[in-house]
C-alpha atoms as a PDB file:
ATOM      1  CA  MET A   1      25.001   8.865  91.464  1.00  0.00           C
ATOM      2  CA  PRO A   2      26.592   6.707  88.731  1.00  0.00           C
ATOM      3  CA  ALA A   3      30.255   5.910  88.990  1.00  0.00           C
ATOM      4  CA  PRO A   4      32.799   7.596  86.732  1.00  0.00           C
ATOM      5  CA  ARG A   5      35.782   5.757  85.388  1.00  0.00           C
ATOM      6  CA  ILE A   6      38.710   6.518  87.657  1.00  0.00           C
ATOM      7  CA  HIS A   7      42.310   6.771  86.505  1.00  0.00           C
ATOM      8  CA  ASN A   8      45.629   7.227  88.284  1.00  0.00           C
ATOM      9  CA  VAL A   9      44.281   6.350  91.747  1.00  0.00           C
ATOM     10  CA  GLY A  10      46.835   4.047  93.292  1.00  0.00           C
ATOM     11  CA  GLU A  11      49.191   4.298  90.314  1.00  0.00           C
ATOM     12  CA  ALA A  12      51.737   6.295  92.317  1.00  0.00           C
ATOM     13  CA  ALA A  13      54.149   4.580  94.697  1.00  0.00           C
ATOM     14  CA  GLY A  14      51.642   4.898  97.536  1.00  0.00           C
ATOM     15  CA  PRO A  15      48.604   6.828  98.775  1.00  0.00           C
ATOM     16  CA  ASP A  16      50.745   9.637 100.158  1.00  0.00           C
ATOM     17  CA  GLN A  17      52.617  10.079  96.868  1.00  0.00           C
ATOM     18  CA  TRP A  18      49.329   9.996  94.963  1.00  0.00           C
ATOM     19  CA  PHE A  19      47.862  12.624  97.285  1.00  0.00           C
ATOM     20  CA  GLN A  20      50.933  14.843  96.910  1.00  0.00           C
ATOM     21  CA  SER A  21      50.666  14.539  93.125  1.00  0.00           C
ATOM     22  CA  LEU A  22      47.271  16.272  93.159  1.00  0.00           C
ATOM     23  CA  PRO A  23      47.168  20.014  92.421  1.00  0.00           C
ATOM     24  CA  ILE A  24      47.152  22.172  95.529  1.00  0.00           C
ATOM     25  CA  VAL A  25      43.484  23.221  95.674  1.00  0.00           C
ATOM     26  CA  THR A  26      42.286  19.675  95.047  1.00  0.00           C
ATOM     27  CA  GLN A  27      44.604  18.465  97.808  1.00  0.00           C
ATOM     28  CA  TYR A  28      43.133  20.828 100.377  1.00  0.00           C
ATOM     29  CA  TRP A  29      39.530  20.207  99.318  1.00  0.00           C
ATOM     30  CA  LEU A  30      39.901  16.417  99.340  1.00  0.00           C
ATOM     31  CA  GLY A  31      41.801  16.479 102.631  1.00  0.00           C
ATOM     32  CA  ALA A  32      39.132  18.600 104.305  1.00  0.00           C
ATOM     33  CA  ALA A  33      36.352  16.412 102.897  1.00  0.00           C
ATOM     34  CA  MET A  34      38.001  13.230 104.159  1.00  0.00           C
ATOM     35  CA  VAL A  35      38.672  14.600 107.645  1.00  0.00           C
ATOM     36  CA  VAL A  36      35.205  16.105 108.135  1.00  0.00           C
ATOM     37  CA  THR A  37      33.354  13.131 106.625  1.00  0.00           C
ATOM     38  CA  LEU A  38      35.279  10.584 108.689  1.00  0.00           C
ATOM     39  CA  ALA A  39      34.812  12.658 111.855  1.00  0.00           C
ATOM     40  CA  GLY A  40      31.067  12.867 111.256  1.00  0.00           C
ATOM     41  CA  ASN A  41      30.690   9.161 110.508  1.00  0.00           C
ATOM     42  CA  PHE A  42      32.787   7.906 113.417  1.00  0.00           C
ATOM     43  CA  GLY A  43      31.016  10.087 115.972  1.00  0.00           C
ATOM     44  CA  ILE A  44      33.955  12.372 116.667  1.00  0.00           C
ATOM     45  CA  ILE A  45      31.693  15.265 115.691  1.00  0.00           C
ATOM     46  CA  SER A  46      27.923  15.091 115.469  1.00  0.00           C
ATOM     47  CA  PRO A  47      26.718  15.515 111.872  1.00  0.00           C
ATOM     48  CA  MET A  48      24.216  18.027 113.253  1.00  0.00           C
ATOM     49  CA  GLN A  49      27.202  20.236 114.108  1.00  0.00           C
ATOM     50  CA  LEU A  50      28.345  20.169 110.482  1.00  0.00           C
ATOM     51  CA  ILE A  51      25.210  21.176 108.592  1.00  0.00           C
ATOM     52  CA  PHE A  52      24.382  24.702 107.478  1.00  0.00           C
ATOM     53  CA  SER A  53      22.123  26.503 109.956  1.00  0.00           C
ATOM     54  CA  TRP A  54      21.787  30.251 109.722  1.00  0.00           C
ATOM     55  CA  PRO A  55      20.164  30.631 113.188  1.00  0.00           C
ATOM     56  CA  MET A  56      23.081  28.766 114.793  1.00  0.00           C
ATOM     57  CA  ILE A  57      25.568  30.913 112.873  1.00  0.00           C
ATOM     58  CA  LYS A  58      23.809  34.161 113.734  1.00  0.00           C
ATOM     59  CA  ASP A  59      22.820  33.458 117.333  1.00  0.00           C
ATOM     60  CA  ASN A  60      25.634  31.176 118.525  1.00  0.00           C
ATOM     61  CA  PHE A  61      28.410  32.453 116.264  1.00  0.00           C
ATOM     62  CA  GLU A  62      29.105  28.927 114.944  1.00  0.00           C
ATOM     63  CA  LEU A  63      31.029  30.185 111.929  1.00  0.00           C
ATOM     64  CA  TRP A  64      32.405  26.774 110.984  1.00  0.00           C
ATOM     65  CA  ARG A  65      28.947  25.956 109.632  1.00  0.00           C
ATOM     66  CA  LEU A  66      29.778  28.202 106.671  1.00  0.00           C
ATOM     67  CA  LEU A  67      32.508  25.745 105.609  1.00  0.00           C
ATOM     68  CA  THR A  68      31.699  22.258 106.907  1.00  0.00           C
ATOM     69  CA  PRO A  69      28.596  21.766 104.693  1.00  0.00           C
ATOM     70  CA  PHE A  70      30.943  21.807 101.683  1.00  0.00           C
ATOM     71  CA  CYS A  71      33.228  19.172 103.237  1.00  0.00           C
ATOM     72  CA  PHE A  72      30.828  16.705 104.873  1.00  0.00           C
ATOM     73  CA  VAL A  73      29.862  14.367 102.039  1.00  0.00           C
ATOM     74  CA  GLY A  74      27.352  12.474 104.184  1.00  0.00           C
ATOM     75  CA  ALA A  75      26.870   9.087 105.805  1.00  0.00           C
ATOM     76  CA  PHE A  76      28.944   6.246 104.384  1.00  0.00           C
ATOM     77  CA  SER A  77      27.284   4.912 101.234  1.00  0.00           C
ATOM     78  CA  PHE A  78      28.036   4.114  97.615  1.00  0.00           C
ATOM     79  CA  ASN A  79      26.986   7.649  96.646  1.00  0.00           C
ATOM     80  CA  THR A  80      29.396   9.083  99.216  1.00  0.00           C
ATOM     81  CA  LEU A  81      32.264   7.121  97.680  1.00  0.00           C
ATOM     82  CA  ILE A  82      31.335   8.210  94.156  1.00  0.00           C
ATOM     83  CA  THR A  83      31.057  11.843  95.261  1.00  0.00           C
ATOM     84  CA  MET A  84      34.583  11.624  96.673  1.00  0.00           C
ATOM     85  CA  PHE A  85      35.871  10.170  93.415  1.00  0.00           C
ATOM     86  CA  MET A  86      34.122  12.880  91.412  1.00  0.00           C
ATOM     87  CA  LEU A  87      35.526  15.562  93.702  1.00  0.00           C
ATOM     88  CA  VAL A  88      39.070  14.350  93.024  1.00  0.00           C
ATOM     89  CA  ASN A  89      38.672  13.856  89.304  1.00  0.00           C
ATOM     90  CA  MET A  90      36.623  16.906  88.406  1.00  0.00           C
ATOM     91  CA  SER A  91      38.562  19.269  90.658  1.00  0.00           C
ATOM     92  CA  GLN A  92      42.001  18.211  89.446  1.00  0.00           C
ATOM     93  CA  GLN A  93      40.848  18.072  85.828  1.00  0.00           C
ATOM     94  CA  TYR A  94      39.530  21.624  85.969  1.00  0.00           C
ATOM     95  CA  GLU A  95      42.471  22.884  88.028  1.00  0.00           C
ATOM     96  CA  LYS A  96      45.054  21.348  85.679  1.00  0.00           C
ATOM     97  CA  GLY A  97      43.156  22.177  82.500  1.00  0.00           C
ATOM     98  CA  GLY A  98      43.197  25.909  83.112  1.00  0.00           C
ATOM     99  CA  PRO A  99      40.301  27.658  84.884  1.00  0.00           C
ATOM    100  CA  TYR A 100      38.521  30.646  83.394  1.00  0.00           C
ATOM    101  CA  ASN A 101      40.868  33.620  83.524  1.00  0.00           C
ATOM    102  CA  THR A 102      39.348  36.173  85.880  1.00  0.00           C
ATOM    103  CA  GLY A 103      42.587  38.010  86.544  1.00  0.00           C
ATOM    104  CA  ALA A 104      45.269  35.459  87.439  1.00  0.00           C
ATOM    105  CA  GLY A 105      45.991  34.025  84.019  1.00  0.00           C
ATOM    106  CA  GLY A 106      43.628  31.091  84.384  1.00  0.00           C
ATOM    107  CA  GLY A 107      45.610  29.783  87.329  1.00  0.00           C
ATOM    108  CA  THR A 108      45.218  28.604  90.893  1.00  0.00           C
ATOM    109  CA  ALA A 109      44.041  31.960  92.254  1.00  0.00           C
ATOM    110  CA  ASP A 110      41.251  32.030  89.659  1.00  0.00           C
ATOM    111  CA  TYR A 111      40.151  28.537  90.718  1.00  0.00           C
ATOM    112  CA  VAL A 112      40.113  29.472  94.403  1.00  0.00           C
ATOM    113  CA  PHE A 113      38.051  32.558  93.571  1.00  0.00           C
ATOM    114  CA  MET A 114      35.672  30.416  91.526  1.00  0.00           C
ATOM    115  CA  LEU A 115      35.135  28.047  94.473  1.00  0.00           C
ATOM    116  CA  MET A 116      34.576  31.014  96.791  1.00  0.00           C
ATOM    117  CA  PHE A 117      32.002  32.425  94.377  1.00  0.00           C
ATOM    118  CA  GLY A 118      30.274  29.061  94.070  1.00  0.00           C
ATOM    119  CA  ALA A 119      30.164  28.493  97.822  1.00  0.00           C
ATOM    120  CA  VAL A 120      28.713  31.938  98.561  1.00  0.00           C
ATOM    121  CA  VAL A 121      26.037  31.700  95.862  1.00  0.00           C
ATOM    122  CA  LEU A 122      25.109  28.157  96.907  1.00  0.00           C
ATOM    123  CA  LEU A 123      24.584  29.387 100.471  1.00  0.00           C
ATOM    124  CA  LEU A 124      22.552  32.406  99.366  1.00  0.00           C
ATOM    125  CA  THR A 125      20.312  30.442  97.001  1.00  0.00           C
ATOM    126  CA  TYR A 126      19.783  27.414  99.252  1.00  0.00           C
ATOM    127  CA  PRO A 127      16.603  28.801 100.901  1.00  0.00           C
ATOM    128  CA  LEU A 128      15.053  29.379  97.473  1.00  0.00           C
ATOM    129  CA  MET A 129      15.914  25.873  96.259  1.00  0.00           C
ATOM    130  CA  ALA A 130      14.762  24.278  99.514  1.00  0.00           C
ATOM    131  CA  ALA A 131      11.404  26.037  99.198  1.00  0.00           C
ATOM    132  CA  TYR A 132      10.665  24.040  96.023  1.00  0.00           C
ATOM    133  CA  ALA A 133      12.156  20.665  96.951  1.00  0.00           C
ATOM    134  CA  ALA A 134      13.495  18.906 100.013  1.00  0.00           C
ATOM    135  CA  MET A 135      17.236  19.482 100.235  1.00  0.00           C
ATOM    136  CA  ALA A 136      19.618  18.664 103.055  1.00  0.00           C
ATOM    137  CA  PRO A 137      21.660  21.664 104.275  1.00  0.00           C
ATOM    138  CA  LEU A 138      24.835  20.027 102.967  1.00  0.00           C
ATOM    139  CA  PHE A 139      26.540  21.269  99.819  1.00  0.00           C
ATOM    140  CA  ALA A 140      29.414  18.921  98.947  1.00  0.00           C
ATOM    141  CA  ARG A 141      27.627  17.391  95.946  1.00  0.00           C
ATOM    142  CA  ASN A 142      26.316  20.816  94.957  1.00  0.00           C
ATOM    143  CA  LEU A 143      29.853  22.206  94.836  1.00  0.00           C
ATOM    144  CA  VAL A 144      31.203  19.172  92.965  1.00  0.00           C
ATOM    145  CA  PHE A 145      28.526  19.602  90.302  1.00  0.00           C
ATOM    146  CA  PHE A 146      29.237  23.320  90.200  1.00  0.00           C
ATOM    147  CA  VAL A 147      32.801  22.414  89.197  1.00  0.00           C
ATOM    148  CA  LEU A 148      31.649  19.665  86.817  1.00  0.00           C
ATOM    149  CA  TYR A 149      29.276  22.018  85.004  1.00  0.00           C
ATOM    150  CA  THR A 150      31.908  24.748  84.755  1.00  0.00           C
ATOM    151  CA  TRP A 151      34.425  22.239  83.388  1.00  0.00           C
ATOM    152  CA  SER A 152      31.884  21.111  80.775  1.00  0.00           C
ATOM    153  CA  LYS A 153      31.456  24.711  79.603  1.00  0.00           C
ATOM    154  CA  ARG A 154      35.201  25.349  79.657  1.00  0.00           C
ATOM    155  CA  HIS A 155      35.991  22.230  77.584  1.00  0.00           C
ATOM    156  CA  PRO A 156      32.765  21.407  75.685  1.00  0.00           C
ATOM    157  CA  THR A 157      34.461  19.333  72.970  1.00  0.00           C
ATOM    158  CA  SER A 158      36.358  17.062  75.371  1.00  0.00           C
ATOM    159  CA  GLN A 159      35.200  13.488  75.831  1.00  0.00           C
ATOM    160  CA  ALA A 160      34.344  11.673  79.044  1.00  0.00           C
ATOM    161  CA  ASN A 161      32.542   8.405  79.605  1.00  0.00           C
ATOM    162  CA  ILE A 162      29.988   6.989  82.004  1.00  0.00           C
ATOM    163  CA  TRP A 163      30.218   3.238  82.495  1.00  0.00           C
ATOM    164  CA  GLY A 164      32.184   2.964  79.264  1.00  0.00           C
ATOM    165  CA  VAL A 165      29.741   5.039  77.216  1.00  0.00           C
ATOM    166  CA  PRO A 166      31.447   8.080  75.625  1.00  0.00           C
ATOM    167  CA  VAL A 167      29.739  11.368  76.433  1.00  0.00           C
ATOM    168  CA  PRO A 168      30.747  14.800  75.095  1.00  0.00           C
ATOM    169  CA  ALA A 169      31.699  17.084  77.965  1.00  0.00           C
ATOM    170  CA  ALA A 170      28.957  19.550  77.029  1.00  0.00           C
ATOM    171  CA  TYR A 171      26.319  16.922  77.880  1.00  0.00           C
ATOM    172  CA  LEU A 172      28.045  15.267  80.833  1.00  0.00           C
ATOM    173  CA  PRO A 173      26.178  17.098  83.654  1.00  0.00           C
ATOM    174  CA  PHE A 174      22.806  16.349  82.071  1.00  0.00           C
ATOM    175  CA  ALA A 175      23.741  12.708  81.512  1.00  0.00           C
ATOM    176  CA  TYR A 176      24.602  12.373  85.196  1.00  0.00           C
ATOM    177  CA  VAL A 177      21.323  13.963  86.242  1.00  0.00           C
ATOM    178  CA  ALA A 178      19.362  11.631  83.952  1.00  0.00           C
ATOM    179  CA  LEU A 179      21.134   8.536  85.276  1.00  0.00           C
ATOM    180  CA  THR A 180      20.746   9.697  88.859  1.00  0.00           C
ATOM    181  CA  ILE A 181      16.992  10.038  88.310  1.00  0.00           C
ATOM    182  CA  PHE A 182      16.935   6.591  86.685  1.00  0.00           C
ATOM    183  CA  MET A 183      18.610   5.133  89.783  1.00  0.00           C
ATOM    184  CA  GLY A 184      15.991   6.748  92.014  1.00  0.00           C
ATOM    185  CA  ASN A 185      18.351   9.124  93.791  1.00  0.00           C
ATOM    186  CA  PRO A 186      17.642  12.811  94.554  1.00  0.00           C
ATOM    187  CA  VAL A 187      18.959  15.318  92.049  1.00  0.00           C
ATOM    188  CA  MET A 188      18.087  18.760  93.402  1.00  0.00           C
ATOM    189  CA  ASP A 189      21.552  19.212  94.881  1.00  0.00           C
ATOM    190  CA  LEU A 190      23.040  18.405  91.473  1.00  0.00           C
ATOM    191  CA  VAL A 191      20.684  20.815  89.724  1.00  0.00           C
ATOM    192  CA  HIS A 192      21.513  23.472  92.313  1.00  0.00           C
ATOM    193  CA  GLY A 193      25.217  23.163  91.519  1.00  0.00           C
ATOM    194  CA  MET A 194      24.551  23.307  87.781  1.00  0.00           C
ATOM    195  CA  ILE A 195      22.463  26.475  88.085  1.00  0.00           C
ATOM    196  CA  VAL A 196      25.197  28.232  90.047  1.00  0.00           C
ATOM    197  CA  GLY A 197      27.757  26.889  87.578  1.00  0.00           C
ATOM    198  CA  HIS A 198      25.841  28.420  84.687  1.00  0.00           C
ATOM    199  CA  LEU A 199      25.708  31.745  86.515  1.00  0.00           C
ATOM    200  CA  TYR A 200      29.481  31.639  86.964  1.00  0.00           C
ATOM    201  CA  TYR A 201      29.999  30.737  83.298  1.00  0.00           C
ATOM    202  CA  PHE A 202      27.744  33.591  82.213  1.00  0.00           C
ATOM    203  CA  LEU A 203      29.557  36.162  84.363  1.00  0.00           C
ATOM    204  CA  ALA A 204      33.097  34.879  83.774  1.00  0.00           C
ATOM    205  CA  GLU A 205      32.901  34.096  80.050  1.00  0.00           C
ATOM    206  CA  VAL A 206      29.782  35.393  78.296  1.00  0.00           C
ATOM    207  CA  VAL A 207      29.581  38.919  79.729  1.00  0.00           C
ATOM    208  CA  PRO A 208      33.275  39.785  79.122  1.00  0.00           C
ATOM    209  CA  ARG A 209      33.167  38.319  75.610  1.00  0.00           C
ATOM    210  CA  VAL A 210      29.878  39.919  74.542  1.00  0.00           C
ATOM    211  CA  HIS A 211      29.879  43.182  76.500  1.00  0.00           C
ATOM    212  CA  GLY A 212      33.574  43.692  77.219  1.00  0.00           C
ATOM    213  CA  LYS A 213      32.973  44.031  80.969  1.00  0.00           C
ATOM    214  CA  ASP A 214      34.738  42.042  83.661  1.00  0.00           C
ATOM    215  CA  ILE A 215      32.104  41.331  86.304  1.00  0.00           C
ATOM    216  CA  LEU A 216      34.124  38.726  88.181  1.00  0.00           C
ATOM    217  CA  VAL A 217      37.683  39.722  89.081  1.00  0.00           C
ATOM    218  CA  THR A 218      39.968  37.576  91.208  1.00  0.00           C
ATOM    219  CA  PRO A 219      40.839  39.522  94.396  1.00  0.00           C
ATOM    220  CA  GLN A 220      44.362  40.870  94.542  1.00  0.00           C
ATOM    221  CA  PHE A 221      45.090  39.154  97.860  1.00  0.00           C
ATOM    222  CA  LEU A 222      44.622  35.765  96.168  1.00  0.00           C
ATOM    223  CA  ILE A 223      46.945  36.761  93.329  1.00  0.00           C
ATOM    224  CA  ASP A 224      49.519  38.055  95.832  1.00  0.00           C
ATOM    225  CA  ARG A 225      49.378  34.752  97.735  1.00  0.00           C
ATOM    226  CA  LEU A 226      49.097  32.276  94.854  1.00  0.00           C
ATOM    227  CA  GLY A 227      50.610  34.217  91.973  1.00  0.00           C
ATOM    228  CA  VAL A 228      49.602  34.264  88.313  1.00  0.00           C
ATOM    229  CA  GLY A 229      49.133  30.896  86.646  1.00  0.00           C
ATOM    230  CA  GLU A 230      49.548  27.586  88.429  1.00  0.00           C
ATOM    231  CA  TYR A 231      50.706  27.802  92.039  1.00  0.00           C
ATOM    232  CA  ARG A 232      53.773  25.687  92.744  1.00  0.00           C
ATOM    233  CA  PRO A 233      54.945  25.566  96.372  1.00  0.00           C
ATOM    234  CA  GLN A 234      58.696  25.929  96.705  1.00  0.00           C
ATOM    235  CA  ALA A 235      60.388  22.725  97.783  1.00  0.00           C
ATOM    236  CA  PRO A 236      62.463  22.872 100.991  1.00  0.00           C
ATOM    237  CA  LEU A 237      66.230  23.236 100.703  1.00  0.00           C
ATOM    238  CA  ARG A 238      68.042  19.950 101.119  1.00  0.00           C
ATOM    239  CA  ASN A 239      70.842  20.871 103.520  1.00  0.00           C
ATOM    240  CA  PRO A 240      72.792  23.857 104.910  1.00  0.00           C
ATOM    241  CA  ALA A 241      75.214  23.680 101.999  1.00  0.00           C
ATOM    242  CA  ASP A 242      72.319  24.181  99.605  1.00  0.00           C
ATOM    243  CA  VAL A 243      71.133  27.105 101.692  1.00  0.00           C
ATOM    244  CA  ALA A 244      74.547  28.703 101.359  1.00  0.00           C
ATOM    245  CA  ARG A 245      74.508  28.194  97.599  1.00  0.00           C
ATOM    246  CA  GLY A 246      70.855  29.203  97.305  1.00  0.00           C
ATOM    247  CA  ALA A 247      70.046  25.938  95.552  1.00  0.00           C
ATOM    248  CA  ALA A 248      66.566  24.579  96.098  1.00  0.00           C
ATOM    249  CA  GLN A 249      65.535  20.973  95.718  1.00  0.00           C
ATOM    250  CA  PRO A 250      63.630  20.356  92.476  1.00  0.00           C
ATOM    251  CA  PRO A 251      59.920  19.558  92.773  1.00  0.00           C
ATOM    252  CA  ALA A 252      59.298  15.957  93.745  1.00  0.00           C
ATOM    253  CA  ASN A 253      55.967  15.744  91.957  1.00  0.00           C
ATOM    254  CA  PRO A 254      56.052  17.211  88.445  1.00  0.00           C
ATOM    255  CA  ARG A 255      52.712  18.150  87.026  1.00  0.00           C
ATOM    256  CA  GLY A 256      50.903  15.236  85.426  1.00  0.00           C
ATOM    257  CA  GLY A 257      47.436  14.618  84.167  1.00  0.00           C
ATOM    258  CA  HIS A 258      44.905  12.266  82.662  1.00  0.00           C
ATOM    259  CA  ASN A 259      41.720  12.356  80.688  1.00  0.00           C
ATOM    260  CA  TRP A 260      38.881  12.131  83.188  1.00  0.00           C
ATOM    261  CA  GLY A 261      36.343   9.498  82.337  1.00  0.00           C
ATOM    262  CA  GLY A 262      38.257   7.790  79.523  1.00  0.00           C
ATOM    263  CA  ALA A 263      40.015   8.528  76.291  1.00  0.00           C
ATOM    264  CA  GLY A 264      39.362  11.859  74.705  1.00  0.00           C
ATOM    265  CA  GLN A 265      40.823  15.257  74.002  1.00  0.00           C
ATOM    266  CA  ALA A 266      43.586  16.199  76.389  1.00  0.00           C
ATOM    267  CA  LEU A 267      42.718  19.287  78.328  1.00  0.00           C
ATOM    268  CA  GLY A 268      44.832  22.372  77.833  1.00  0.00           C
ATOM    269  CA  ARG A 269      44.540  26.008  78.585  1.00  0.00           C
ATOM    270  CA  GLY A 270      42.282  27.818  76.231  1.00  0.00           C
END
């Protein structure tokens, strides 16, 4: 997979500050991906325990296999590193830019619901995709490209770049697939993510706009937990005196952003 241009990594005071500056969903996804991928590569957990296997889920009740395939990026390689970079950049760009509004004002709860939808549909459609082409039962790249494709539909006039070449967002997923083929790497996992991304776009944007029906609705429990709009965890109170006054410490990491992949239109909520 070709490398995107990366911004803001290491620009904070340190790795921990940079990590804390990421939006909340991207933080959790990246953290889980790093932990699971490192554990699988250093032999703490066998990679065979991390892949999707319906017989092992059904017969042995190994429920973690429903989640770990989306977090284990694979054996250490250049593609693994690039997938991690794309996870960070595409996830935070979509999360900050304003997800499709499916009931929570285009906020964090809508993004979590979108990832849940993508994960479930990727799992359900994997047997069909695997019947036509060899695909590993791992879905990290699939889910990243699901987000990338959805971002490209959400912000089609934005600009990104690949190796310094400007690419309109609407064509970015296809440009990556073409370059991945050129480099001789498999693309079915990328195509799988794009197909599911188009299904989400159709149900979340096209159907409500054309037919006036909301097919996808963010569950109320997500809205109750994460609120409407962007979720901002409350900072801890600084000392007992602040508790008495009811004064909370201001957020340490105000929301920031960047244009993923190079100069272009700044992303905003549509």
